[in-house]
PDB file of N, CA and C in Angstrom:
ATOM      1  N   MET A   1     -16.696 137.369 -25.570  1.00  0.00           N
ATOM      2  CA  MET A   1     -16.011 137.580 -24.392  1.00  0.00           C
ATOM      3  C   MET A   1     -16.266 136.517 -23.156  1.00  0.00           C
ATOM      4  N   GLY A   2     -15.597 136.279 -22.023  1.00  0.00           N
ATOM      5  CA  GLY A   2     -16.093 135.153 -21.128  1.00  0.00           C
ATOM      6  C   GLY A   2     -16.442 135.725 -19.960  1.00  0.00           C
ATOM      7  N   ILE A   3     -16.819 134.736 -19.066  1.00  0.00           N
ATOM      8  CA  ILE A   3     -17.511 134.840 -17.456  1.00  0.00           C
ATOM      9  C   ILE A   3     -16.881 135.876 -16.947  1.00  0.00           C
ATOM     10  N   LEU A   4     -15.588 135.426 -17.031  1.00  0.00           N
ATOM     11  CA  LEU A   4     -14.634 135.971 -15.890  1.00  0.00           C
ATOM     12  C   LEU A   4     -13.871 137.007 -16.418  1.00  0.00           C
ATOM     13  N   LYS A   5     -13.872 138.486 -16.169  1.00  0.00           N
ATOM     14  CA  LYS A   5     -13.014 139.595 -16.756  1.00  0.00           C
ATOM     15  C   LYS A   5     -11.768 140.298 -15.775  1.00  0.00           C
ATOM     16  N   GLY A   6     -10.776 140.729 -16.394  1.00  0.00           N
ATOM     17  CA  GLY A   6     -10.123 141.789 -15.332  1.00  0.00           C
ATOM     18  C   GLY A   6      -9.105 141.039 -14.332  1.00  0.00           C
ATOM     19  N   ILE A   7      -9.624 141.499 -13.215  1.00  0.00           N
ATOM     20  CA  ILE A   7      -8.998 140.689 -11.962  1.00  0.00           C
ATOM     21  C   ILE A   7      -9.197 139.191 -11.792  1.00  0.00           C
ATOM     22  N   LEU A   8     -10.269 139.032 -12.150  1.00  0.00           N
ATOM     23  CA  LEU A   8     -10.534 137.342 -12.021  1.00  0.00           C
ATOM     24  C   LEU A   8     -10.170 136.771 -13.296  1.00  0.00           C
ATOM     25  N   ASP A   9      -9.455 137.056 -14.291  1.00  0.00           N
ATOM     26  CA  ASP A   9      -9.380 136.609 -15.411  1.00  0.00           C
ATOM     27  C   ASP A   9      -8.262 135.403 -15.221  1.00  0.00           C
ATOM     28  N   PRO A  10      -8.912 134.182 -15.587  1.00  0.00           N
ATOM     29  CA  PRO A  10      -8.126 132.840 -14.972  1.00  0.00           C
ATOM     30  C   PRO A  10      -6.725 132.874 -16.164  1.00  0.00           C
ATOM     31  N   ALA A  11      -6.757 133.523 -17.122  1.00  0.00           N
ATOM     32  CA  ALA A  11      -5.326 133.067 -17.934  1.00  0.00           C
ATOM     33  C   ALA A  11      -4.453 134.169 -17.052  1.00  0.00           C
ATOM     34  N   VAL A  12      -4.580 134.977 -15.903  1.00  0.00           N
ATOM     35  CA  VAL A  12      -3.500 135.117 -15.185  1.00  0.00           C
ATOM     36  C   VAL A  12      -3.092 134.418 -14.280  1.00  0.00           C
ATOM     37  N   TYR A  13      -4.118 133.764 -13.322  1.00  0.00           N
ATOM     38  CA  TYR A  13      -3.889 133.755 -12.210  1.00  0.00           C
ATOM     39  C   TYR A  13      -3.261 131.813 -12.163  1.00  0.00           C
ATOM     40  N   TRP A  14      -3.370 131.395 -13.106  1.00  0.00           N
ATOM     41  CA  TRP A  14      -2.547 130.037 -13.090  1.00  0.00           C
ATOM     42  C   TRP A  14      -0.867 130.096 -12.628  1.00  0.00           C
ATOM     43  N   ILE A  15      -0.500 130.912 -13.271  1.00  0.00           N
ATOM     44  CA  ILE A  15       0.708 131.276 -13.153  1.00  0.00           C
ATOM     45  C   ILE A  15       1.287 131.133 -11.594  1.00  0.00           C
ATOM     46  N   PRO A  16       0.606 132.024 -10.859  1.00  0.00           N
ATOM     47  CA  PRO A  16       1.170 132.351  -9.304  1.00  0.00           C
ATOM     48  C   PRO A  16       0.783 130.977  -8.628  1.00  0.00           C
ATOM     49  N   PHE A  17      -0.435 130.299  -9.052  1.00  0.00           N
ATOM     50  CA  PHE A  17      -0.853 128.919  -8.626  1.00  0.00           C
ATOM     51  C   PHE A  17       0.039 128.022  -8.733  1.00  0.00           C
ATOM     52  N   ALA A  18       0.434 128.029 -10.156  1.00  0.00           N
ATOM     53  CA  ALA A  18       1.573 127.005 -10.192  1.00  0.00           C
ATOM     54  C   ALA A  18       2.920 126.957  -9.585  1.00  0.00           C
ATOM     55  N   ILE A  19       3.477 128.309  -9.261  1.00  0.00           N
ATOM     56  CA  ILE A  19       4.707 128.525  -8.688  1.00  0.00           C
ATOM     57  C   ILE A  19       4.524 127.954  -7.312  1.00  0.00           C
ATOM     58  N   ALA A  20       3.445 128.511  -6.850  1.00  0.00           N
ATOM     59  CA  ALA A  20       3.305 128.108  -5.207  1.00  0.00           C
ATOM     60  C   ALA A  20       3.173 126.668  -5.207  1.00  0.00           C
ATOM     61  N   ALA A  21       2.018 126.209  -6.142  1.00  0.00           N
ATOM     62  CA  ALA A  21       2.167 124.674  -6.113  1.00  0.00           C
ATOM     63  C   ALA A  21       3.394 123.437  -6.174  1.00  0.00           C
ATOM     64  N   PHE A  22       4.452 124.081  -6.841  1.00  0.00           N
ATOM     65  CA  PHE A  22       5.706 123.789  -6.641  1.00  0.00           C
ATOM     66  C   PHE A  22       6.721 124.166  -5.629  1.00  0.00           C
ATOM     67  N   PHE A  23       6.592 125.279  -5.096  1.00  0.00           N
ATOM     68  CA  PHE A  23       7.336 125.924  -4.136  1.00  0.00           C
ATOM     69  C   PHE A  23       7.254 125.260  -2.681  1.00  0.00           C
ATOM     70  N   CYS A  24       5.745 124.875  -2.757  1.00  0.00           N
ATOM     71  CA  CYS A  24       5.199 124.174  -1.249  1.00  0.00           C
ATOM     72  C   CYS A  24       6.274 123.252  -1.051  1.00  0.00           C
ATOM     73  N   PRO A  25       6.034 122.024  -2.033  1.00  0.00           N
ATOM     74  CA  PRO A  25       6.734 120.551  -1.520  1.00  0.00           C
ATOM     75  C   PRO A  25       8.301 120.880  -1.542  1.00  0.00           C
ATOM     76  N   VAL A  26       8.937 121.785  -2.752  1.00  0.00           N
ATOM     77  CA  VAL A  26      10.097 122.095  -2.600  1.00  0.00           C
ATOM     78  C   VAL A  26      10.803 122.795  -1.194  1.00  0.00           C
ATOM     79  N   PHE A  27      10.098 123.590  -0.726  1.00  0.00           N
ATOM     80  CA  PHE A  27      10.251 124.372   0.576  1.00  0.00           C
ATOM     81  C   PHE A  27      10.722 123.318   1.620  1.00  0.00           C
ATOM     82  N   SER A  28       9.529 122.400   1.809  1.00  0.00           N
ATOM     83  CA  SER A  28       9.165 121.644   2.763  1.00  0.00           C
ATOM     84  C   SER A  28      10.520 120.620   2.653  1.00  0.00           C
ATOM     85  N   ILE A  29      10.899 120.158   1.547  1.00  0.00           N
ATOM     86  CA  ILE A  29      12.257 119.369   1.085  1.00  0.00           C
ATOM     87  C   ILE A  29      13.202 120.048   1.475  1.00  0.00           C
ATOM     88  N   ILE A  30      13.582 121.346   1.610  1.00  0.00           N
ATOM     89  CA  ILE A  30      14.828 122.211   1.827  1.00  0.00           C
ATOM     90  C   ILE A  30      14.319 122.128   3.583  1.00  0.00           C
ATOM     91  N   ARG A  31      13.541 122.454   4.180  1.00  0.00           N
ATOM     92  CA  ARG A  31      13.203 122.321   5.536  1.00  0.00           C
ATOM     93  C   ARG A  31      13.762 121.085   5.938  1.00  0.00           C
ATOM     94  N   PHE A  32      13.215 120.056   5.574  1.00  0.00           N
ATOM     95  CA  PHE A  32      13.671 118.760   5.900  1.00  0.00           C
ATOM     96  C   PHE A  32      15.314 118.445   6.141  1.00  0.00           C
ATOM     97  N   TYR A  33      16.046 118.762   5.016  1.00  0.00           N
ATOM     98  CA  TYR A  33      16.952 118.853   5.010  1.00  0.00           C
ATOM     99  C   TYR A  33      17.866 119.952   5.845  1.00  0.00           C
ATOM    100  N   ASN A  34      17.309 120.813   6.096  1.00  0.00           N
ATOM    101  CA  ASN A  34      17.831 121.701   7.209  1.00  0.00           C
ATOM    102  C   ASN A  34      17.340 121.101   8.583  1.00  0.00           C
ATOM    103  N   LYS A  35      16.950 120.026   8.968  1.00  0.00           N
ATOM    104  CA  LYS A  35      16.415 119.268  10.163  1.00  0.00           C
ATOM    105  C   LYS A  35      15.423 120.167  10.735  1.00  0.00           C
ATOM    106  N   GLN A  36      14.172 120.609   9.800  1.00  0.00           N
ATOM    107  CA  GLN A  36      13.163 121.248  10.298  1.00  0.00           C
ATOM    108  C   GLN A  36      11.939 120.779  10.119  1.00  0.00           C
ATOM    109  N   TYR A  37      11.320 119.607  10.673  1.00  0.00           N
ATOM    110  CA  TYR A  37      10.473 118.451  10.294  1.00  0.00           C
ATOM    111  C   TYR A  37       9.010 118.863  10.315  1.00  0.00           C
ATOM    112  N   ARG A  38       8.522 119.940  11.211  1.00  0.00           N
ATOM    113  CA  ARG A  38       7.193 120.372  11.523  1.00  0.00           C
ATOM    114  C   ARG A  38       6.752 121.040  10.279  1.00  0.00           C
ATOM    115  N   GLY A  39       5.435 120.847  10.118  1.00  0.00           N
ATOM    116  CA  GLY A  39       4.632 121.555   9.213  1.00  0.00           C
ATOM    117  C   GLY A  39       4.861 121.176   7.850  1.00  0.00           C
ATOM    118  N   TRP A  40       5.628 119.971   7.407  1.00  0.00           N
ATOM    119  CA  TRP A  40       5.373 119.373   5.848  1.00  0.00           C
ATOM    120  C   TRP A  40       3.943 118.804   5.739  1.00  0.00           C
ATOM    121  N   GLN A  41       3.262 118.439   6.285  1.00  0.00           N
ATOM    122  CA  GLN A  41       1.669 117.866   6.105  1.00  0.00           C
ATOM    123  C   GLN A  41       1.141 119.228   5.431  1.00  0.00           C
ATOM    124  N   MET A  42       1.176 120.170   6.293  1.00  0.00           N
ATOM    125  CA  MET A  42       0.483 121.432   5.653  1.00  0.00           C
ATOM    126  C   MET A  42       0.949 122.083   4.522  1.00  0.00           C
ATOM    127  N   LEU A  43       2.416 121.763   4.224  1.00  0.00           N
ATOM    128  CA  LEU A  43       2.823 122.494   2.885  1.00  0.00           C
ATOM    129  C   LEU A  43       2.467 121.490   1.737  1.00  0.00           C
ATOM    130  N   THR A  44       2.384 119.780   2.030  1.00  0.00           N
ATOM    131  CA  THR A  44       1.741 119.181   1.039  1.00  0.00           C
ATOM    132  C   THR A  44       0.076 119.524   0.765  1.00  0.00           C
ATOM    133  N   PHE A  45      -0.334 119.591   1.713  1.00  0.00           N
ATOM    134  CA  PHE A  45      -1.849 120.142   1.487  1.00  0.00           C
ATOM    135  C   PHE A  45      -1.922 121.279   0.700  1.00  0.00           C
ATOM    136  N   LEU A  46      -1.204 122.631   0.865  1.00  0.00           N
ATOM    137  CA  LEU A  46      -1.222 123.716   0.430  1.00  0.00           C
ATOM    138  C   LEU A  46      -0.781 123.352  -1.295  1.00  0.00           C
ATOM    139  N   SER A  47       0.175 122.417  -1.317  1.00  0.00           N
ATOM    140  CA  SER A  47       0.515 122.074  -2.837  1.00  0.00           C
ATOM    141  C   SER A  47      -0.466 121.289  -3.427  1.00  0.00           C
ATOM    142  N   LEU A  48      -0.983 120.779  -3.074  1.00  0.00           N
ATOM    143  CA  LEU A  48      -2.521 120.090  -3.502  1.00  0.00           C
ATOM    144  C   LEU A  48      -3.682 121.343  -3.758  1.00  0.00           C
ATOM    145  N   ILE A  49      -3.691 121.871  -2.776  1.00  0.00           N
ATOM    146  CA  ILE A  49      -4.506 123.023  -3.095  1.00  0.00           C
ATOM    147  C   ILE A  49      -4.154 124.022  -4.408  1.00  0.00           C
ATOM    148  N   PHE A  50      -3.072 124.374  -4.222  1.00  0.00           N
ATOM    149  CA  PHE A  50      -3.026 125.117  -5.399  1.00  0.00           C
ATOM    150  C   PHE A  50      -2.608 124.306  -7.050  1.00  0.00           C
ATOM    151  N   GLY A  51      -2.433 123.266  -6.597  1.00  0.00           N
ATOM    152  CA  GLY A  51      -2.199 122.381  -8.096  1.00  0.00           C
ATOM    153  C   GLY A  51      -3.858 122.353  -8.613  1.00  0.00           C
ATOM    154  N   THR A  52      -4.981 121.964  -7.512  1.00  0.00           N
ATOM    155  CA  THR A  52      -6.079 122.155  -7.879  1.00  0.00           C
ATOM    156  C   THR A  52      -6.482 123.322  -8.551  1.00  0.00           C
ATOM    157  N   LEU A  53      -6.296 124.416  -7.900  1.00  0.00           N
ATOM    158  CA  LEU A  53      -6.503 125.915  -8.421  1.00  0.00           C
ATOM    159  C   LEU A  53      -5.988 125.990 -10.102  1.00  0.00           C
ATOM    160  N   VAL A  54      -4.837 125.498 -10.033  1.00  0.00           N
ATOM    161  CA  VAL A  54      -4.243 125.411 -11.514  1.00  0.00           C
ATOM    162  C   VAL A  54      -5.099 124.959 -12.545  1.00  0.00           C
ATOM    163  N   LEU A  55      -5.266 123.828 -12.393  1.00  0.00           N
ATOM    164  CA  LEU A  55      -6.147 123.020 -13.002  1.00  0.00           C
ATOM    165  C   LEU A  55      -7.590 123.538 -13.376  1.00  0.00           C
ATOM    166  N   LEU A  56      -8.133 124.161 -12.141  1.00  0.00           N
ATOM    167  CA  LEU A  56      -9.585 124.897 -12.460  1.00  0.00           C
ATOM    168  C   LEU A  56      -9.245 126.085 -13.308  1.00  0.00           C
ATOM    169  N   GLU A  57      -8.172 126.858 -12.771  1.00  0.00           N
ATOM    170  CA  GLU A  57      -8.177 128.141 -13.883  1.00  0.00           C
ATOM    171  C   GLU A  57      -7.927 127.782 -15.027  1.00  0.00           C
ATOM    172  N   GLU A  58      -7.164 126.759 -15.721  1.00  0.00           N
ATOM    173  CA  GLU A  58      -6.794 126.361 -16.989  1.00  0.00           C
ATOM    174  C   GLU A  58      -8.539 125.946 -17.498  1.00  0.00           C
ATOM    175  N   TYR A  59      -9.197 125.007 -16.880  1.00  0.00           N
ATOM    176  CA  TYR A  59     -10.374 124.926 -17.472  1.00  0.00           C
ATOM    177  C   TYR A  59     -11.403 125.897 -17.416  1.00  0.00           C
ATOM    178  N   LEU A  60     -11.303 127.101 -16.664  1.00  0.00           N
ATOM    179  CA  LEU A  60     -12.232 128.383 -16.679  1.00  0.00           C
ATOM    180  C   LEU A  60     -11.510 129.203 -17.920  1.00  0.00           C
ATOM    181  N   MET A  61     -10.332 129.080 -18.332  1.00  0.00           N
ATOM    182  CA  MET A  61      -9.796 129.748 -19.345  1.00  0.00           C
ATOM    183  C   MET A  61     -10.204 129.093 -20.557  1.00  0.00           C
ATOM    184  N   VAL A  62     -10.142 127.737 -20.951  1.00  0.00           N
ATOM    185  CA  VAL A  62     -10.964 127.274 -21.882  1.00  0.00           C
ATOM    186  C   VAL A  62     -12.490 127.425 -21.788  1.00  0.00           C
ATOM    187  N   ASN A  63     -13.182 127.500 -20.875  1.00  0.00           N
ATOM    188  CA  ASN A  63     -14.376 127.897 -20.889  1.00  0.00           C
ATOM    189  C   ASN A  63     -14.867 129.052 -21.356  1.00  0.00           C
ATOM    190  N   ASN A  64     -13.791 130.155 -21.053  1.00  0.00           N
ATOM    191  CA  ASN A  64     -14.017 131.319 -21.711  1.00  0.00           C
ATOM    192  C   ASN A  64     -13.885 131.630 -23.074  1.00  0.00           C
ATOM    193  N   TRP A  65     -13.184 130.793 -23.472  1.00  0.00           N
ATOM    194  CA  TRP A  65     -12.495 130.845 -24.956  1.00  0.00           C
ATOM    195  C   TRP A  65     -13.710 130.012 -25.541  1.00  0.00           C
ATOM    196  N   VAL A  66     -14.344 128.893 -25.147  1.00  0.00           N
ATOM    197  CA  VAL A  66     -15.484 128.241 -25.693  1.00  0.00           C
ATOM    198  C   VAL A  66     -16.693 128.904 -25.843  1.00  0.00           C
ATOM    199  N   LEU A  67     -17.057 130.132 -24.916  1.00  0.00           N
ATOM    200  CA  LEU A  67     -18.334 130.887 -24.618  1.00  0.00           C
ATOM    201  C   LEU A  67     -18.165 131.925 -25.659  1.00  0.00           C
ATOM    202  N   ALA A  68     -16.626 132.471 -25.837  1.00  0.00           N
ATOM    203  CA  ALA A  68     -16.431 133.605 -26.924  1.00  0.00           C
ATOM    204  C   ALA A  68     -16.460 132.961 -27.803  1.00  0.00           C
ATOM    205  N   GLY A  69     -16.310 131.822 -28.469  1.00  0.00           N
ATOM    206  CA  GLY A  69     -16.293 131.171 -30.022  1.00  0.00           C
ATOM    207  C   GLY A  69     -15.138 131.163 -30.459  1.00  0.00           C
ATOM    208  N   GLU A  70     -14.014 131.546 -29.818  1.00  0.00           N
ATOM    209  CA  GLU A  70     -12.717 131.518 -30.184  1.00  0.00           C
ATOM    210  C   GLU A  70     -12.096 130.260 -30.354  1.00  0.00           C
ATOM    211  N   VAL A  71     -12.599 129.658 -31.535  1.00  0.00           N
ATOM    212  CA  VAL A  71     -12.309 128.222 -31.792  1.00  0.00           C
ATOM    213  C   VAL A  71     -10.518 128.090 -32.415  1.00  0.00           C
ATOM    214  N   GLU A  72     -10.169 128.930 -32.874  1.00  0.00           N
ATOM    215  CA  GLU A  72      -8.689 128.994 -33.431  1.00  0.00           C
ATOM    216  C   GLU A  72      -7.727 128.966 -32.172  1.00  0.00           C
ATOM    217  N   THR A  73      -8.122 130.038 -31.323  1.00  0.00           N
ATOM    218  CA  THR A  73      -7.397 130.007 -30.013  1.00  0.00           C
ATOM    219  C   THR A  73      -7.476 128.723 -29.087  1.00  0.00           C
ATOM    220  N   LEU A  74      -8.650 128.024 -29.523  1.00  0.00           N
ATOM    221  CA  LEU A  74      -8.535 126.439 -28.944  1.00  0.00           C
ATOM    222  C   LEU A  74      -7.713 125.587 -29.460  1.00  0.00           C
ATOM    223  N   LYS A  75      -7.558 125.680 -30.943  1.00  0.00           N
ATOM    224  CA  LYS A  75      -6.861 124.881 -31.587  1.00  0.00           C
ATOM    225  C   LYS A  75      -5.361 124.839 -31.537  1.00  0.00           C
ATOM    226  N   ASN A  76      -5.279 126.182 -31.446  1.00  0.00           N
ATOM    227  CA  ASN A  76      -3.891 126.504 -30.996  1.00  0.00           C
ATOM    228  C   ASN A  76      -3.030 126.598 -29.730  1.00  0.00           C
ATOM    229  N   THR A  77      -3.746 126.131 -28.861  1.00  0.00           N
ATOM    230  CA  THR A  77      -3.550 126.440 -27.282  1.00  0.00           C
ATOM    231  C   THR A  77      -3.987 125.154 -26.843  1.00  0.00           C
ATOM    232  N   VAL A  78      -4.697 124.673 -26.629  1.00  0.00           N
ATOM    233  CA  VAL A  78      -5.118 123.271 -25.911  1.00  0.00           C
ATOM    234  C   VAL A  78      -4.366 122.030 -26.298  1.00  0.00           C
ATOM    235  N   PRO A  79      -3.845 121.911 -27.459  1.00  0.00           N
ATOM    236  CA  PRO A  79      -2.804 120.606 -27.373  1.00  0.00           C
ATOM    237  C   PRO A  79      -1.491 120.938 -26.472  1.00  0.00           C
ATOM    238  N   GLY A  80      -1.104 121.881 -26.753  1.00  0.00           N
ATOM    239  CA  GLY A  80       0.442 122.342 -25.963  1.00  0.00           C
ATOM    240  C   GLY A  80      -0.069 122.431 -24.252  1.00  0.00           C
ATOM    241  N   MET A  81      -1.131 122.976 -24.157  1.00  0.00           N
ATOM    242  CA  MET A  81      -2.006 123.198 -22.697  1.00  0.00           C
ATOM    243  C   MET A  81      -1.797 121.752 -22.073  1.00  0.00           C
ATOM    244  N   SER A  82      -2.498 120.940 -22.987  1.00  0.00           N
ATOM    245  CA  SER A  82      -2.622 119.454 -22.233  1.00  0.00           C
ATOM    246  C   SER A  82      -1.686 118.862 -22.090  1.00  0.00           C
ATOM    247  N   LEU A  83      -0.364 118.733 -22.968  1.00  0.00           N
ATOM    248  CA  LEU A  83       0.951 118.479 -22.435  1.00  0.00           C
ATOM    249  C   LEU A  83       1.501 118.843 -21.599  1.00  0.00           C
ATOM    250  N   LEU A  84       1.510 120.472 -21.093  1.00  0.00           N
ATOM    251  CA  LEU A  84       1.947 120.724 -20.215  1.00  0.00           C
ATOM    252  C   LEU A  84       1.393 120.348 -18.894  1.00  0.00           C
ATOM    253  N   LEU A  85       0.029 120.258 -18.926  1.00  0.00           N
ATOM    254  CA  LEU A  85      -0.452 119.832 -17.678  1.00  0.00           C
ATOM    255  C   LEU A  85      -0.468 118.421 -17.362  1.00  0.00           C
ATOM    256  N   VAL A  86      -0.068 117.780 -18.266  1.00  0.00           N
ATOM    257  CA  VAL A  86       0.139 116.328 -17.657  1.00  0.00           C
ATOM    258  C   VAL A  86       1.597 116.286 -17.269  1.00  0.00           C
ATOM    259  N   VAL A  87       2.637 117.223 -17.630  1.00  0.00           N
ATOM    260  CA  VAL A  87       4.011 117.213 -16.895  1.00  0.00           C
ATOM    261  C   VAL A  87       3.565 117.535 -15.949  1.00  0.00           C
ATOM    262  N   PHE A  88       3.167 118.499 -15.745  1.00  0.00           N
ATOM    263  CA  PHE A  88       3.066 119.463 -14.313  1.00  0.00           C
ATOM    264  C   PHE A  88       2.333 118.637 -13.178  1.00  0.00           C
ATOM    265  N   VAL A  89       1.218 117.800 -13.806  1.00  0.00           N
ATOM    266  CA  VAL A  89       0.645 117.224 -12.588  1.00  0.00           C
ATOM    267  C   VAL A  89       1.630 115.647 -12.406  1.00  0.00           C
ATOM    268  N   ILE A  90       2.074 115.207 -13.508  1.00  0.00           N
ATOM    269  CA  ILE A  90       3.323 113.923 -12.787  1.00  0.00           C
ATOM    270  C   ILE A  90       4.453 114.721 -11.963  1.00  0.00           C
ATOM    271  N   PHE A  91       4.793 115.715 -12.526  1.00  0.00           N
ATOM    272  CA  PHE A  91       6.072 116.516 -11.571  1.00  0.00           C
ATOM    273  C   PHE A  91       5.512 116.786 -10.200  1.00  0.00           C
ATOM    274  N   GLY A  92       4.373 117.604 -10.142  1.00  0.00           N
ATOM    275  CA  GLY A  92       3.925 117.742  -8.782  1.00  0.00           C
ATOM    276  C   GLY A  92       3.848 116.295  -7.897  1.00  0.00           C
ATOM    277  N   ILE A  93       3.076 115.475  -8.445  1.00  0.00           N
ATOM    278  CA  ILE A  93       2.908 114.127  -7.710  1.00  0.00           C
ATOM    279  C   ILE A  93       4.098 113.647  -7.296  1.00  0.00           C
ATOM    280  N   ALA A  94       5.209 113.671  -8.384  1.00  0.00           N
ATOM    281  CA  ALA A  94       6.491 113.227  -7.922  1.00  0.00           C
ATOM    282  C   ALA A  94       7.282 113.902  -6.724  1.00  0.00           C
ATOM    283  N   LEU A  95       7.067 115.231  -6.984  1.00  0.00           N
ATOM    284  CA  LEU A  95       7.837 116.127  -5.452  1.00  0.00           C
ATOM    285  C   LEU A  95       7.151 115.631  -4.345  1.00  0.00           C
ATOM    286  N   ASN A  96       5.691 115.715  -4.131  1.00  0.00           N
ATOM    287  CA  ASN A  96       4.876 115.434  -3.132  1.00  0.00           C
ATOM    288  C   ASN A  96       5.272 113.941  -2.634  1.00  0.00           C
ATOM    289  N   VAL A  97       5.071 113.156  -3.421  1.00  0.00           N
ATOM    290  CA  VAL A  97       5.473 111.523  -3.246  1.00  0.00           C
ATOM    291  C   VAL A  97       7.193 111.446  -2.294  1.00  0.00           C
ATOM    292  N   TYR A  98       8.060 112.333  -3.112  1.00  0.00           N
ATOM    293  CA  TYR A  98       9.269 112.100  -2.353  1.00  0.00           C
ATOM    294  C   TYR A  98       9.325 113.169  -1.328  1.00  0.00           C
ATOM    295  N   ASN A  99       8.580 114.104  -1.021  1.00  0.00           N
ATOM    296  CA  ASN A  99       8.443 114.926  -0.103  1.00  0.00           C
ATOM    297  C   ASN A  99       7.836 114.205   1.302  1.00  0.00           C
ATOM    298  N   TRP A 100       6.816 113.350   1.021  1.00  0.00           N
ATOM    299  CA  TRP A 100       6.241 112.362   1.953  1.00  0.00           C
ATOM    300  C   TRP A 100       7.122 111.167   2.439  1.00  0.00           C
ATOM    301  N   TYR A 101       7.497 110.619   1.362  1.00  0.00           N
ATOM    302  CA  TYR A 101       8.991 109.397   1.834  1.00  0.00           C
ATOM    303  C   TYR A 101       9.760 109.809   2.553  1.00  0.00           C
ATOM    304  N   ILE A 102      10.327 111.096   2.170  1.00  0.00           N
ATOM    305  CA  ILE A 102      11.506 111.533   3.192  1.00  0.00           C
ATOM    306  C   ILE A 102      10.981 111.566   4.721  1.00  0.00           C
ATOM    307  N   HIS A 103       9.971 112.112   4.861  1.00  0.00           N
ATOM    308  CA  HIS A 103       9.615 112.414   6.054  1.00  0.00           C
ATOM    309  C   HIS A 103       8.717 111.159   6.667  1.00  0.00           C
ATOM    310  N   GLN A 104       8.375 110.213   6.149  1.00  0.00           N
ATOM    311  CA  GLN A 104       7.916 108.973   6.829  1.00  0.00           C
ATOM    312  C   GLN A 104       9.164 108.318   7.368  1.00  0.00           C
ATOM    313  N   LYS A 105      10.169 108.451   6.453  1.00  0.00           N
ATOM    314  CA  LYS A 105      11.254 107.346   6.515  1.00  0.00           C
ATOM    315  C   LYS A 105      12.163 108.320   8.086  1.00  0.00           C
ATOM    316  N   GLU A 106      12.009 109.411   8.040  1.00  0.00           N
ATOM    317  CA  GLU A 106      12.666 110.261   9.328  1.00  0.00           C
ATOM    318  C   GLU A 106      11.520 109.709  10.644  1.00  0.00           C
ATOM    319  N   ILE A 107      10.012 109.925  10.251  1.00  0.00           N
ATOM    320  CA  ILE A 107       9.271 109.387  11.303  1.00  0.00           C
ATOM    321  C   ILE A 107       9.474 107.978  11.754  1.00  0.00           C
ATOM    322  N   LEU A 108       9.843 107.099  10.986  1.00  0.00           N
ATOM    323  CA  LEU A 108      10.069 105.562  11.380  1.00  0.00           C
ATOM    324  C   LEU A 108      11.478 105.407  12.196  1.00  0.00           C
ATOM    325  N   GLU A 109      12.572 106.424  11.427  1.00  0.00           N
ATOM    326  CA  GLU A 109      13.795 106.404  12.282  1.00  0.00           C
ATOM    327  C   GLU A 109      13.905 106.896  13.626  1.00  0.00           C
ATOM    328  N   ARG A 110      12.700 107.764  13.920  1.00  0.00           N
ATOM    329  CA  ARG A 110      12.897 108.540  15.172  1.00  0.00           C
ATOM    330  C   ARG A 110      12.165 107.488  16.156  1.00  0.00           C
ATOM    331  N   ARG A 111      10.839 106.621  15.651  1.00  0.00           N
ATOM    332  CA  ARG A 111      10.499 105.839  16.533  1.00  0.00           C
ATOM    333  C   ARG A 111      11.053 104.636  16.776  1.00  0.00           C
ATOM    334  N   GLY A 112      12.047 104.220  15.771  1.00  0.00           N
ATOM    335  CA  GLY A 112      13.081 103.100  16.297  1.00  0.00           C
ATOM    336  C   GLY A 112      13.819 103.395  17.319  1.00  0.00           C
ATOM    337  N   LYS A 113      14.308 104.775  17.409  1.00  0.00           N
ATOM    338  CA  LYS A 113      15.435 105.015  18.313  1.00  0.00           C
ATOM    339  C   LYS A 113      14.963 105.176  19.601  1.00  0.00           C
ATOM    340  N   ARG A 114      13.548 105.473  19.757  1.00  0.00           N
ATOM    341  CA  ARG A 114      12.894 105.361  21.046  1.00  0.00           C
ATOM    342  C   ARG A 114      12.794 104.022  22.054  1.00  0.00           C
ATOM    343  N   PRO A 115      12.518 103.861  23.090  1.00  0.00           N
ATOM    344  CA  PRO A 115      12.781 102.577  23.806  1.00  0.00           C
ATOM    345  C   PRO A 115      11.145 102.016  23.737  1.00  0.00           C
TER     346      PRO A 115
END
């Protein structure tokens, strides 16, 4: 058995954290196109936090398998999980960079229109 059990099981919580990590920048981008510009920094920060929690939860899950001596589970799961986490990180960075880019472009355009 691992360190965390039941309600604190990391095998469960990475899913809502991953959804939240992608939802924050997507929601910010949707708000941008609806001309609602405030709060994008907080949504980007929340995306970073949730993305970090996903990686932590995955690490804790692997730690629990190691402590339980479940070598077969590690051999079957970690290679696919590694690829998934690489895609997760790259896609999350791309979403947040795009979110940052569109808001910075809008900020510069607004500053240029002022006397």
